[in-house]
Amino acid sequence: MEEVRSAENDYDDLISGQLSDVHRVDLHFVVDNVVGFFHNIAWKEPWMIALMSFHIMFLLIAIRSKRDIMSLLCLCLVAFFCVF
């Protein structure tokens, strides 16, 4: 029984060491990539401004009509037909 526990512990140590090495991510590298992505987007283009305005307007309408189920249903259908 002791041999089985020893083997289990050895296996756990081996796997935990491999996983920590494989999944180790440099946070500075991730932040640089995200910031670089946002800097590469042309936020001043008219279609981007229209898209952001549409999403903000849609969110405000959804928040304002949160108690009326029919208006939320209509809003959901409008969103569905806008996508498809």
N, C-alpha and C. Protein backbone atom coordinates (compact mmCIF):
# COMPACT_ATOMS: atom_id res chain seq x y z
N MET A 1 0.82 -1.19 0.00
CA MET A 1 0.00 0.00 0.00
C MET A 1 0.87 1.26 0.00
N GLU A 2 1.96 1.19 0.72
CA GLU A 2 2.87 2.33 0.80
C GLU A 2 3.50 2.63 -0.55
N GLU A 3 3.77 1.56 -1.33
CA GLU A 3 4.35 1.75 -2.66
C GLU A 3 3.39 2.48 -3.59
N VAL A 4 2.11 2.17 -3.48
CA VAL A 4 1.09 2.83 -4.32
C VAL A 4 1.01 4.31 -3.98
N ARG A 5 1.01 4.63 -2.69
CA ARG A 5 0.96 6.04 -2.29
C ARG A 5 2.22 6.78 -2.74
N SER A 6 3.35 6.14 -2.65
CA SER A 6 4.59 6.75 -3.09
C SER A 6 4.56 7.00 -4.61
N ALA A 7 4.03 6.03 -5.35
CA ALA A 7 3.93 6.19 -6.80
C ALA A 7 2.96 7.31 -7.15
N GLU A 8 1.84 7.39 -6.42
CA GLU A 8 0.88 8.47 -6.67
C GLU A 8 1.50 9.84 -6.40
N ASN A 9 2.23 9.95 -5.31
CA ASN A 9 2.88 11.22 -4.98
C ASN A 9 3.93 11.60 -6.03
N ASP A 10 4.70 10.60 -6.47
CA ASP A 10 5.69 10.88 -7.51
C ASP A 10 5.02 11.34 -8.80
N TYR A 11 3.92 10.69 -9.16
CA TYR A 11 3.19 11.05 -10.37
C TYR A 11 2.61 12.47 -10.24
N ASP A 12 2.02 12.77 -9.09
CA ASP A 12 1.47 14.12 -8.87
C ASP A 12 2.55 15.18 -8.97
N ASP A 13 3.70 14.92 -8.39
CA ASP A 13 4.81 15.87 -8.47
C ASP A 13 5.27 16.06 -9.90
N LEU A 14 5.33 14.98 -10.66
CA LEU A 14 5.75 15.05 -12.05
C LEU A 14 4.76 15.86 -12.88
N ILE A 15 3.49 15.56 -12.73
CA ILE A 15 2.45 16.26 -13.51
C ILE A 15 2.36 17.72 -13.11
N SER A 16 2.41 18.02 -11.84
CA SER A 16 2.30 19.42 -11.41
C SER A 16 3.49 20.23 -11.91
N GLY A 17 4.66 19.64 -11.95
CA GLY A 17 5.83 20.33 -12.48
C GLY A 17 5.71 20.59 -13.96
N GLN A 18 5.17 19.63 -14.72
CA GLN A 18 5.00 19.80 -16.16
C GLN A 18 3.94 20.84 -16.45
N LEU A 19 2.84 20.80 -15.72
CA LEU A 19 1.76 21.74 -15.98
C LEU A 19 2.17 23.17 -15.66
N SER A 20 2.91 23.33 -14.58
CA SER A 20 3.31 24.69 -14.22
C SER A 20 4.27 25.26 -15.26
N ASP A 21 5.12 24.41 -15.83
CA ASP A 21 6.05 24.89 -16.86
C ASP A 21 5.31 25.19 -18.17
N VAL A 22 4.34 24.37 -18.51
CA VAL A 22 3.62 24.54 -19.78
C VAL A 22 2.69 25.74 -19.73
N HIS A 23 2.00 25.93 -18.63
CA HIS A 23 0.98 26.96 -18.54
C HIS A 23 1.48 28.27 -17.93
N ARG A 24 2.75 28.40 -17.76
CA ARG A 24 3.29 29.63 -17.19
C ARG A 24 3.23 30.72 -18.28
N VAL A 25 2.59 31.83 -17.96
CA VAL A 25 2.42 32.92 -18.92
C VAL A 25 3.01 34.19 -18.31
N ASP A 26 3.77 34.88 -19.11
CA ASP A 26 4.32 36.15 -18.66
C ASP A 26 3.24 37.21 -18.77
N LEU A 27 2.80 37.76 -17.66
CA LEU A 27 1.70 38.72 -17.66
C LEU A 27 2.07 39.98 -18.41
N HIS A 28 3.30 40.39 -18.34
CA HIS A 28 3.75 41.59 -19.06
C HIS A 28 3.59 41.39 -20.57
N PHE A 29 3.88 40.20 -21.05
CA PHE A 29 3.73 39.88 -22.47
C PHE A 29 2.26 39.96 -22.89
N VAL A 30 1.36 39.46 -22.06
CA VAL A 30 -0.07 39.50 -22.37
C VAL A 30 -0.58 40.93 -22.40
N VAL A 31 -0.19 41.73 -21.43
CA VAL A 31 -0.63 43.13 -21.37
C VAL A 31 -0.11 43.90 -22.59
N ASP A 32 1.12 43.67 -22.98
CA ASP A 32 1.66 44.33 -24.17
C ASP A 32 0.88 43.96 -25.42
N ASN A 33 0.49 42.70 -25.55
CA ASN A 33 -0.29 42.28 -26.71
C ASN A 33 -1.68 42.91 -26.73
N VAL A 34 -2.34 42.98 -25.58
CA VAL A 34 -3.67 43.56 -25.52
C VAL A 34 -3.61 45.05 -25.81
N VAL A 35 -2.66 45.75 -25.23
CA VAL A 35 -2.51 47.19 -25.47
C VAL A 35 -2.17 47.45 -26.94
N GLY A 36 -1.31 46.63 -27.51
CA GLY A 36 -0.97 46.77 -28.92
C GLY A 36 -2.17 46.53 -29.82
N PHE A 37 -3.02 45.57 -29.46
CA PHE A 37 -4.24 45.31 -30.23
C PHE A 37 -5.16 46.53 -30.22
N PHE A 38 -5.36 47.13 -29.05
CA PHE A 38 -6.25 48.28 -28.97
C PHE A 38 -5.66 49.51 -29.66
N HIS A 39 -4.35 49.62 -29.70
CA HIS A 39 -3.73 50.75 -30.41
C HIS A 39 -3.83 50.58 -31.92
N ASN A 40 -3.94 49.36 -32.41
CA ASN A 40 -4.03 49.13 -33.84
C ASN A 40 -5.43 49.31 -34.41
N ILE A 41 -6.43 49.45 -33.56
CA ILE A 41 -7.79 49.66 -34.04
C ILE A 41 -8.00 51.14 -34.33
N ALA A 42 -8.57 51.43 -35.50
CA ALA A 42 -8.86 52.82 -35.87
C ALA A 42 -10.21 53.20 -35.26
N TRP A 43 -10.17 53.76 -34.07
CA TRP A 43 -11.40 54.06 -33.33
C TRP A 43 -12.15 55.26 -33.90
N LYS A 44 -11.53 56.07 -34.74
CA LYS A 44 -12.15 57.28 -35.25
C LYS A 44 -12.87 57.07 -36.59
N GLU A 45 -12.86 55.87 -37.12
CA GLU A 45 -13.56 55.63 -38.38
C GLU A 45 -15.07 55.72 -38.16
N PRO A 46 -15.80 56.25 -39.15
CA PRO A 46 -17.25 56.44 -38.97
C PRO A 46 -18.01 55.15 -38.67
N TRP A 47 -17.66 54.06 -39.33
CA TRP A 47 -18.40 52.82 -39.08
C TRP A 47 -18.13 52.29 -37.68
N MET A 48 -16.93 52.53 -37.16
CA MET A 48 -16.62 52.08 -35.80
C MET A 48 -17.38 52.92 -34.77
N ILE A 49 -17.48 54.22 -35.03
CA ILE A 49 -18.24 55.10 -34.14
C ILE A 49 -19.72 54.72 -34.18
N ALA A 50 -20.23 54.42 -35.38
CA ALA A 50 -21.64 54.02 -35.51
C ALA A 50 -21.89 52.69 -34.80
N LEU A 51 -20.96 51.76 -34.91
CA LEU A 51 -21.11 50.46 -34.26
C LEU A 51 -21.11 50.60 -32.74
N MET A 52 -20.19 51.40 -32.22
CA MET A 52 -20.14 51.60 -30.77
C MET A 52 -21.40 52.34 -30.28
N SER A 53 -21.86 53.33 -31.05
CA SER A 53 -23.07 54.06 -30.67
C SER A 53 -24.28 53.13 -30.66
N PHE A 54 -24.36 52.26 -31.67
CA PHE A 54 -25.48 51.31 -31.73
C PHE A 54 -25.48 50.40 -30.50
N HIS A 55 -24.32 49.89 -30.12
CA HIS A 55 -24.25 48.99 -28.98
C HIS A 55 -24.57 49.71 -27.67
N ILE A 56 -24.11 50.92 -27.52
CA ILE A 56 -24.43 51.69 -26.31
C ILE A 56 -25.92 51.99 -26.26
N MET A 57 -26.50 52.38 -27.41
CA MET A 57 -27.94 52.66 -27.45
C MET A 57 -28.74 51.40 -27.14
N PHE A 58 -28.33 50.29 -27.70
CA PHE A 58 -29.03 49.03 -27.47
C PHE A 58 -28.96 48.64 -25.99
N LEU A 59 -27.81 48.83 -25.37
CA LEU A 59 -27.66 48.53 -23.95
C LEU A 59 -28.54 49.43 -23.09
N LEU A 60 -28.57 50.71 -23.41
CA LEU A 60 -29.41 51.63 -22.63
C LEU A 60 -30.89 51.31 -22.78
N ILE A 61 -31.32 50.95 -23.98
CA ILE A 61 -32.71 50.56 -24.18
C ILE A 61 -33.03 49.29 -23.39
N ALA A 62 -32.12 48.34 -23.38
CA ALA A 62 -32.34 47.09 -22.63
C ALA A 62 -32.42 47.36 -21.14
N ILE A 63 -31.57 48.24 -20.63
CA ILE A 63 -31.61 48.56 -19.20
C ILE A 63 -32.88 49.31 -18.85
N ARG A 64 -33.28 50.24 -19.72
CA ARG A 64 -34.49 51.03 -19.45
C ARG A 64 -35.75 50.18 -19.48
N SER A 65 -35.79 49.18 -20.33
CA SER A 65 -37.00 48.37 -20.47
C SER A 65 -36.88 47.01 -19.81
N LYS A 66 -36.12 46.93 -18.74
CA LYS A 66 -35.86 45.63 -18.13
C LYS A 66 -37.09 45.02 -17.45
N ARG A 67 -38.09 45.80 -17.15
CA ARG A 67 -39.27 45.27 -16.49
C ARG A 67 -40.39 44.91 -17.47
N ASP A 68 -40.30 45.35 -18.70
CA ASP A 68 -41.35 45.08 -19.69
C ASP A 68 -40.89 43.95 -20.60
N ILE A 69 -41.51 42.79 -20.44
CA ILE A 69 -41.06 41.61 -21.16
C ILE A 69 -41.32 41.72 -22.67
N MET A 70 -42.38 42.39 -23.07
CA MET A 70 -42.68 42.50 -24.50
C MET A 70 -41.67 43.39 -25.21
N SER A 71 -41.26 44.47 -24.56
CA SER A 71 -40.27 45.33 -25.20
C SER A 71 -38.92 44.62 -25.28
N LEU A 72 -38.59 43.81 -24.27
CA LEU A 72 -37.35 43.04 -24.33
C LEU A 72 -37.42 41.97 -25.42
N LEU A 73 -38.59 41.39 -25.61
CA LEU A 73 -38.77 40.42 -26.68
C LEU A 73 -38.58 41.08 -28.04
N CYS A 74 -39.19 42.26 -28.21
CA CYS A 74 -39.02 43.00 -29.47
C CYS A 74 -37.55 43.38 -29.67
N LEU A 75 -36.90 43.81 -28.62
CA LEU A 75 -35.49 44.17 -28.69
C LEU A 75 -34.63 42.96 -29.08
N CYS A 76 -34.96 41.81 -28.53
CA CYS A 76 -34.25 40.58 -28.86
C CYS A 76 -34.46 40.22 -30.33
N LEU A 77 -35.70 40.36 -30.82
CA LEU A 77 -35.97 40.07 -32.23
C LEU A 77 -35.26 41.05 -33.16
N VAL A 78 -35.21 42.31 -32.77
CA VAL A 78 -34.48 43.30 -33.58
C VAL A 78 -33.00 42.94 -33.64
N ALA A 79 -32.45 42.56 -32.50
CA ALA A 79 -31.03 42.17 -32.48
C ALA A 79 -30.80 40.93 -33.33
N PHE A 80 -31.71 39.98 -33.25
CA PHE A 80 -31.59 38.76 -34.04
C PHE A 80 -31.62 39.08 -35.54
N PHE A 81 -32.56 39.93 -35.97
CA PHE A 81 -32.67 40.25 -37.38
C PHE A 81 -31.53 41.17 -37.86
N CYS A 82 -30.95 41.93 -36.96
CA CYS A 82 -29.79 42.74 -37.34
C CYS A 82 -28.57 41.86 -37.61
N VAL A 83 -28.46 40.76 -36.88
CA VAL A 83 -27.32 39.87 -37.08
C VAL A 83 -27.52 39.00 -38.30
N PHE A 84 -28.72 38.50 -38.48
CA PHE A 84 -28.98 37.61 -39.62
C PHE A 84 -29.73 38.37 -40.66
